[in-house]
């Protein structure tokens, strides 16, 4: 019985510790929760866009180096021309 009481006290102590954690304080407040989720969404969106930009840039660069394959080389050349004319320096 004493062992169960000791384990219960440990669990109670850990729950009290976790309840004081900042993340639980954020989840107990609706405005803070909304702000936290907004920032999390903005960070995810920005990271996704930047990651896709890097990956696509590398892919287009690698494909532009393959000019010996007629179909791919012409297609990539057309894409590069469109990008160069659309994006001012």
C-alpha atoms as a PDB file:
ATOM      1  CA  UNK A   1       0.000   0.000   0.000  1.00  0.00           C
ATOM      2  CA  UNK A   2       2.858   2.358   0.821  1.00  0.00           C
ATOM      3  CA  UNK A   3       4.339   1.761  -2.622  1.00  0.00           C
ATOM      4  CA  UNK A   4       1.070   2.779  -4.316  1.00  0.00           C
ATOM      5  CA  UNK A   5       0.891   5.932  -2.224  1.00  0.00           C
ATOM      6  CA  UNK A   6       4.506   6.792  -3.096  1.00  0.00           C
ATOM      7  CA  UNK A   7       3.830   6.255  -6.809  1.00  0.00           C
ATOM      8  CA  UNK A   8       0.670   8.358  -6.612  1.00  0.00           C
ATOM      9  CA  UNK A   9       2.606  11.163  -4.963  1.00  0.00           C
ATOM     10  CA  UNK A  10       5.259  10.983  -7.709  1.00  0.00           C
ATOM     11  CA  UNK A  11       2.592  11.154 -10.391  1.00  0.00           C
ATOM     12  CA  UNK A  12       0.942  14.079  -8.599  1.00  0.00           C
ATOM     13  CA  UNK A  13       4.288  15.868  -8.363  1.00  0.00           C
ATOM     14  CA  UNK A  14       4.981  15.346 -12.108  1.00  0.00           C
ATOM     15  CA  UNK A  15       1.495  16.526 -13.063  1.00  0.00           C
ATOM     16  CA  UNK A  16       1.955  19.657 -10.967  1.00  0.00           C
ATOM     17  CA  UNK A  17       5.311  20.267 -12.634  1.00  0.00           C
ATOM     18  CA  UNK A  18       3.846  19.832 -16.126  1.00  0.00           C
ATOM     19  CA  UNK A  19       0.839  21.987 -15.286  1.00  0.00           C
ATOM     20  CA  UNK A  20       3.202  24.869 -14.511  1.00  0.00           C
ATOM     21  CA  UNK A  21       4.905  24.467 -17.901  1.00  0.00           C
ATOM     22  CA  UNK A  22       4.521  27.369 -20.336  1.00  0.00           C
ATOM     23  CA  UNK A  23       2.872  25.232 -23.007  1.00  0.00           C
ATOM     24  CA  UNK A  24       0.018  24.309 -20.677  1.00  0.00           C
ATOM     25  CA  UNK A  25      -0.429  27.963 -19.784  1.00  0.00           C
ATOM     26  CA  UNK A  26      -0.739  28.746 -23.500  1.00  0.00           C
ATOM     27  CA  UNK A  27      -3.370  26.032 -23.967  1.00  0.00           C
ATOM     28  CA  UNK A  28      -5.398  27.332 -21.018  1.00  0.00           C
ATOM     29  CA  UNK A  29      -5.836  30.748 -22.651  1.00  0.00           C
ATOM     30  CA  UNK A  30      -7.864  30.999 -25.867  1.00  0.00           C
ATOM     31  CA  UNK A  31      -6.193  34.207 -27.178  1.00  0.00           C
ATOM     32  CA  UNK A  32      -2.722  32.831 -26.504  1.00  0.00           C
ATOM     33  CA  UNK A  33      -3.690  29.540 -28.141  1.00  0.00           C
ATOM     34  CA  UNK A  34      -4.946  31.362 -31.238  1.00  0.00           C
ATOM     35  CA  UNK A  35      -1.786  33.500 -31.401  1.00  0.00           C
ATOM     36  CA  UNK A  36       0.436  30.435 -30.965  1.00  0.00           C
ATOM     37  CA  UNK A  37      -1.396  28.547 -33.722  1.00  0.00           C
ATOM     38  CA  UNK A  38      -1.248  31.580 -36.036  1.00  0.00           C
ATOM     39  CA  UNK A  39       2.508  31.860 -35.587  1.00  0.00           C
ATOM     40  CA  UNK A  40       2.888  28.117 -36.049  1.00  0.00           C
ATOM     41  CA  UNK A  41       0.903  28.282 -39.301  1.00  0.00           C
ATOM     42  CA  UNK A  42       2.893  31.242 -40.613  1.00  0.00           C
ATOM     43  CA  UNK A  43       6.166  29.497 -39.835  1.00  0.00           C
ATOM     44  CA  UNK A  44       4.979  26.310 -41.538  1.00  0.00           C
ATOM     45  CA  UNK A  45       3.808  28.218 -44.614  1.00  0.00           C
ATOM     46  CA  UNK A  46       7.007  30.223 -44.898  1.00  0.00           C
ATOM     47  CA  UNK A  47       9.154  27.134 -44.451  1.00  0.00           C
ATOM     48  CA  UNK A  48       7.152  25.260 -47.072  1.00  0.00           C
ATOM     49  CA  UNK A  49       7.492  28.058 -49.604  1.00  0.00           C
ATOM     50  CA  UNK A  50      11.211  28.506 -49.004  1.00  0.00           C
ATOM     51  CA  UNK A  51      11.830  24.767 -49.113  1.00  0.00           C
ATOM     52  CA  UNK A  52       9.880  24.349 -52.339  1.00  0.00           C
ATOM     53  CA  UNK A  53      11.761  27.289 -53.861  1.00  0.00           C
ATOM     54  CA  UNK A  54      15.130  25.762 -53.052  1.00  0.00           C
ATOM     55  CA  UNK A  55      14.143  22.303 -54.288  1.00  0.00           C
ATOM     56  CA  UNK A  56      12.591  23.579 -57.524  1.00  0.00           C
ATOM     57  CA  UNK A  57      15.514  25.912 -58.196  1.00  0.00           C
ATOM     58  CA  UNK A  58      17.967  23.058 -57.794  1.00  0.00           C
ATOM     59  CA  UNK A  59      15.819  20.808 -59.976  1.00  0.00           C
ATOM     60  CA  UNK A  60      15.525  23.400 -62.745  1.00  0.00           C
ATOM     61  CA  UNK A  61      19.255  24.078 -62.581  1.00  0.00           C
ATOM     62  CA  UNK A  62      20.048  20.380 -62.857  1.00  0.00           C
ATOM     63  CA  UNK A  63      17.616  19.964 -65.727  1.00  0.00           C
ATOM     64  CA  UNK A  64      19.116  22.961 -67.514  1.00  0.00           C
ATOM     65  CA  UNK A  65      22.455  21.171 -67.520  1.00  0.00           C
ATOM     66  CA  UNK A  66      20.911  18.283 -69.459  1.00  0.00           C
ATOM     67  CA  UNK A  67      20.807  19.904 -72.867  1.00  0.00           C
ATOM     68  CA  UNK A  68      21.992  16.829 -74.730  1.00  0.00           C
ATOM     69  CA  UNK A  69      18.556  15.224 -74.364  1.00  0.00           C
ATOM     70  CA  UNK A  70      16.542  17.048 -77.065  1.00  0.00           C
ATOM     71  CA  UNK A  71      13.090  17.101 -75.501  1.00  0.00           C
ATOM     72  CA  UNK A  72      14.150  17.940 -71.930  1.00  0.00           C
ATOM     73  CA  UNK A  73      16.778  20.436 -73.045  1.00  0.00           C
ATOM     74  CA  UNK A  74      14.332  22.394 -75.204  1.00  0.00           C
ATOM     75  CA  UNK A  75      11.653  22.307 -72.525  1.00  0.00           C
ATOM     76  CA  UNK A  76      14.040  23.552 -69.841  1.00  0.00           C
ATOM     77  CA  UNK A  77      15.400  26.231 -72.179  1.00  0.00           C
ATOM     78  CA  UNK A  78      11.854  27.498 -72.734  1.00  0.00           C
ATOM     79  CA  UNK A  79      11.214  27.564 -68.979  1.00  0.00           C
ATOM     80  CA  UNK A  80      14.452  29.486 -68.378  1.00  0.00           C
ATOM     81  CA  UNK A  81      13.554  32.017 -71.071  1.00  0.00           C
ATOM     82  CA  UNK A  82      10.115  32.551 -69.566  1.00  0.00           C
ATOM     83  CA  UNK A  83      11.611  32.978 -66.091  1.00  0.00           C
ATOM     84  CA  UNK A  84      14.219  35.439 -67.379  1.00  0.00           C
ATOM     85  CA  UNK A  85      11.621  37.554 -69.173  1.00  0.00           C
ATOM     86  CA  UNK A  86       9.089  37.487 -66.319  1.00  0.00           C
ATOM     87  CA  UNK A  87      11.448  38.223 -63.424  1.00  0.00           C
ATOM     88  CA  UNK A  88      13.216  41.600 -63.588  1.00  0.00           C
ATOM     89  CA  UNK A  89      16.724  41.774 -62.121  1.00  0.00           C
END
